[in-house]
Amino acid sequence: MDKPSPPPDLVTCDECLYYDALTDEKGNCRRDAPRPTLLANDRVTTKWPIVQVYDSCGDARSIHNH
């Protein structure tokens, strides 16, 4: 599947300082603290949001500017 072309000034997740790759297609967004998540056994854990490499949130910081 081809990666969609973002607008030229938009920072995609794979070019973001907060992105932590899990695979070639997705990774964790570490922009904010991990989010609480309820497990099936009524226990709570925390998880970073999973994003696609071509996603963008508008709060991204480019790895190329640091």
N, C-alpha and C. Protein backbone atom coordinates (compact mmCIF):
# COMPACT_ATOMS: atom_id res chain seq x y z
N MET A 1 0.84 -1.17 0.00
CA MET A 1 0.00 0.00 0.00
C MET A 1 0.89 1.24 0.00
N ASP A 2 0.60 2.18 -0.87
CA ASP A 2 1.38 3.41 -0.97
C ASP A 2 1.05 4.36 0.17
N LYS A 3 2.06 5.07 0.61
CA LYS A 3 1.89 6.07 1.66
C LYS A 3 1.21 7.29 1.07
N PRO A 4 0.13 7.79 1.70
CA PRO A 4 -0.52 9.00 1.20
C PRO A 4 0.43 10.20 1.26
N SER A 5 0.29 11.12 0.35
CA SER A 5 1.13 12.31 0.31
C SER A 5 0.53 13.41 1.19
N PRO A 6 1.22 13.78 2.29
CA PRO A 6 0.71 14.85 3.14
C PRO A 6 1.01 16.21 2.55
N PRO A 7 0.35 17.26 3.02
CA PRO A 7 0.73 18.62 2.61
C PRO A 7 2.21 18.86 2.96
N PRO A 8 2.91 19.71 2.21
CA PRO A 8 4.35 19.88 2.40
C PRO A 8 4.79 20.34 3.79
N ASP A 9 3.97 21.10 4.50
CA ASP A 9 4.38 21.60 5.82
C ASP A 9 3.89 20.72 6.97
N LEU A 10 3.22 19.62 6.69
CA LEU A 10 2.68 18.73 7.70
C LEU A 10 3.72 17.70 8.12
N VAL A 11 3.95 17.54 9.41
CA VAL A 11 4.89 16.54 9.91
C VAL A 11 4.10 15.26 10.18
N THR A 12 4.48 14.18 9.50
CA THR A 12 3.83 12.90 9.73
C THR A 12 4.50 12.20 10.91
N CYS A 13 3.82 11.21 11.45
CA CYS A 13 4.32 10.55 12.65
C CYS A 13 5.72 9.95 12.47
N ASP A 14 6.01 9.39 11.32
CA ASP A 14 7.33 8.79 11.12
C ASP A 14 8.46 9.82 11.08
N GLU A 15 8.13 11.10 10.98
CA GLU A 15 9.13 12.16 11.00
C GLU A 15 9.03 13.01 12.27
N CYS A 16 8.32 12.50 13.28
CA CYS A 16 8.07 13.24 14.51
C CYS A 16 9.03 12.82 15.62
N LEU A 17 9.44 13.79 16.40
CA LEU A 17 10.32 13.56 17.54
C LEU A 17 9.69 12.62 18.56
N TYR A 18 8.38 12.61 18.68
CA TYR A 18 7.67 11.81 19.68
C TYR A 18 7.34 10.39 19.21
N TYR A 19 7.66 10.04 17.99
CA TYR A 19 7.30 8.74 17.41
C TYR A 19 8.31 7.68 17.79
N ASP A 20 7.80 6.51 18.22
CA ASP A 20 8.64 5.36 18.57
C ASP A 20 8.14 4.18 17.74
N ALA A 21 8.90 3.82 16.71
CA ALA A 21 8.46 2.78 15.77
C ALA A 21 8.34 1.41 16.43
N LEU A 22 7.26 0.70 16.07
CA LEU A 22 7.06 -0.68 16.47
C LEU A 22 7.29 -1.61 15.28
N THR A 23 6.80 -1.19 14.11
CA THR A 23 6.99 -1.92 12.85
C THR A 23 7.26 -0.88 11.77
N ASP A 24 7.32 -1.33 10.51
CA ASP A 24 7.50 -0.39 9.40
C ASP A 24 6.27 0.48 9.17
N GLU A 25 5.12 0.06 9.67
CA GLU A 25 3.86 0.76 9.39
C GLU A 25 3.25 1.48 10.59
N LYS A 26 3.65 1.13 11.82
CA LYS A 26 3.02 1.74 13.00
C LYS A 26 4.01 1.87 14.14
N GLY A 27 3.61 2.71 15.12
CA GLY A 27 4.46 2.93 16.28
C GLY A 27 3.68 3.60 17.40
N ASN A 28 4.38 3.91 18.47
CA ASN A 28 3.77 4.59 19.61
C ASN A 28 3.97 6.09 19.49
N CYS A 29 2.95 6.83 19.89
CA CYS A 29 3.06 8.29 19.99
C CYS A 29 3.36 8.62 21.45
N ARG A 30 4.49 9.25 21.68
CA ARG A 30 4.89 9.59 23.05
C ARG A 30 4.79 11.09 23.31
N ARG A 31 3.90 11.74 22.60
CA ARG A 31 3.66 13.18 22.77
C ARG A 31 3.13 13.49 24.16
N ASP A 32 2.22 12.66 24.64
CA ASP A 32 1.63 12.82 25.97
C ASP A 32 1.90 11.57 26.80
N ALA A 33 1.51 11.59 28.04
CA ALA A 33 1.68 10.43 28.92
C ALA A 33 0.87 9.25 28.41
N PRO A 34 1.28 8.02 28.75
CA PRO A 34 0.49 6.85 28.34
C PRO A 34 -0.92 6.94 28.94
N ARG A 35 -1.85 6.36 28.21
CA ARG A 35 -3.26 6.43 28.62
C ARG A 35 -3.66 5.19 29.41
N PRO A 36 -4.47 5.37 30.47
CA PRO A 36 -4.97 4.20 31.20
C PRO A 36 -5.88 3.38 30.31
N THR A 37 -5.75 2.06 30.42
CA THR A 37 -6.54 1.14 29.61
C THR A 37 -7.06 0.03 30.51
N LEU A 38 -8.35 -0.24 30.43
CA LEU A 38 -8.97 -1.30 31.23
C LEU A 38 -8.78 -2.64 30.52
N LEU A 39 -8.22 -3.61 31.24
CA LEU A 39 -8.02 -4.96 30.69
C LEU A 39 -9.26 -5.81 30.96
N ALA A 40 -9.33 -6.98 30.33
CA ALA A 40 -10.49 -7.86 30.45
C ALA A 40 -10.74 -8.32 31.88
N ASN A 41 -9.69 -8.43 32.68
CA ASN A 41 -9.84 -8.91 34.06
C ASN A 41 -10.07 -7.76 35.06
N ASP A 42 -10.55 -6.63 34.56
CA ASP A 42 -10.84 -5.43 35.36
C ASP A 42 -9.60 -4.78 35.98
N ARG A 43 -8.44 -5.12 35.47
CA ARG A 43 -7.21 -4.46 35.89
C ARG A 43 -6.93 -3.31 34.94
N VAL A 44 -6.18 -2.35 35.41
CA VAL A 44 -5.85 -1.18 34.60
C VAL A 44 -4.36 -1.18 34.30
N THR A 45 -4.03 -0.86 33.07
CA THR A 45 -2.63 -0.70 32.65
C THR A 45 -2.54 0.62 31.91
N THR A 46 -1.36 0.99 31.50
CA THR A 46 -1.21 2.20 30.68
C THR A 46 -0.55 1.82 29.37
N LYS A 47 -0.97 2.51 28.31
CA LYS A 47 -0.43 2.24 26.97
C LYS A 47 -0.25 3.55 26.23
N TRP A 48 0.79 3.61 25.42
CA TRP A 48 0.98 4.73 24.51
C TRP A 48 0.02 4.54 23.35
N PRO A 49 -0.53 5.61 22.80
CA PRO A 49 -1.39 5.48 21.61
C PRO A 49 -0.59 4.92 20.43
N ILE A 50 -1.20 4.02 19.68
CA ILE A 50 -0.58 3.47 18.48
C ILE A 50 -1.04 4.27 17.28
N VAL A 51 -0.09 4.70 16.46
CA VAL A 51 -0.37 5.52 15.28
C VAL A 51 0.28 4.89 14.05
N GLN A 52 -0.23 5.26 12.88
CA GLN A 52 0.35 4.84 11.61
C GLN A 52 1.43 5.83 11.20
N VAL A 53 2.40 5.39 10.41
CA VAL A 53 3.51 6.26 10.03
C VAL A 53 3.05 7.51 9.29
N TYR A 54 1.96 7.45 8.55
CA TYR A 54 1.49 8.59 7.76
C TYR A 54 0.46 9.44 8.49
N ASP A 55 0.16 9.11 9.76
CA ASP A 55 -0.74 9.93 10.56
C ASP A 55 -0.06 11.24 10.94
N SER A 56 -0.85 12.20 11.39
CA SER A 56 -0.34 13.46 11.91
C SER A 56 -1.38 14.06 12.84
N CYS A 57 -0.92 14.68 13.93
CA CYS A 57 -1.86 15.21 14.92
C CYS A 57 -1.91 16.73 14.95
N GLY A 58 -0.96 17.39 14.35
CA GLY A 58 -0.89 18.85 14.41
C GLY A 58 0.00 19.35 15.52
N ASP A 59 0.37 18.48 16.48
CA ASP A 59 1.29 18.86 17.56
C ASP A 59 2.68 18.28 17.35
N ALA A 60 2.91 17.67 16.22
CA ALA A 60 4.17 17.00 15.94
C ALA A 60 5.35 17.97 15.91
N ARG A 61 6.52 17.47 16.27
CA ARG A 61 7.77 18.23 16.17
C ARG A 61 8.71 17.43 15.28
N SER A 62 9.16 18.03 14.23
CA SER A 62 9.98 17.35 13.24
C SER A 62 11.34 16.94 13.81
N ILE A 63 11.74 15.72 13.47
CA ILE A 63 13.07 15.25 13.86
C ILE A 63 14.15 15.98 13.08
N HIS A 64 13.78 16.64 12.00
CA HIS A 64 14.75 17.35 11.16
C HIS A 64 15.09 18.74 11.69
N ASN A 65 14.35 19.23 12.68
CA ASN A 65 14.61 20.57 13.23
C ASN A 65 15.37 20.51 14.54
N HIS A 66 15.88 19.34 14.93
CA HIS A 66 16.58 19.23 16.21
C HIS A 66 17.98 18.72 16.01
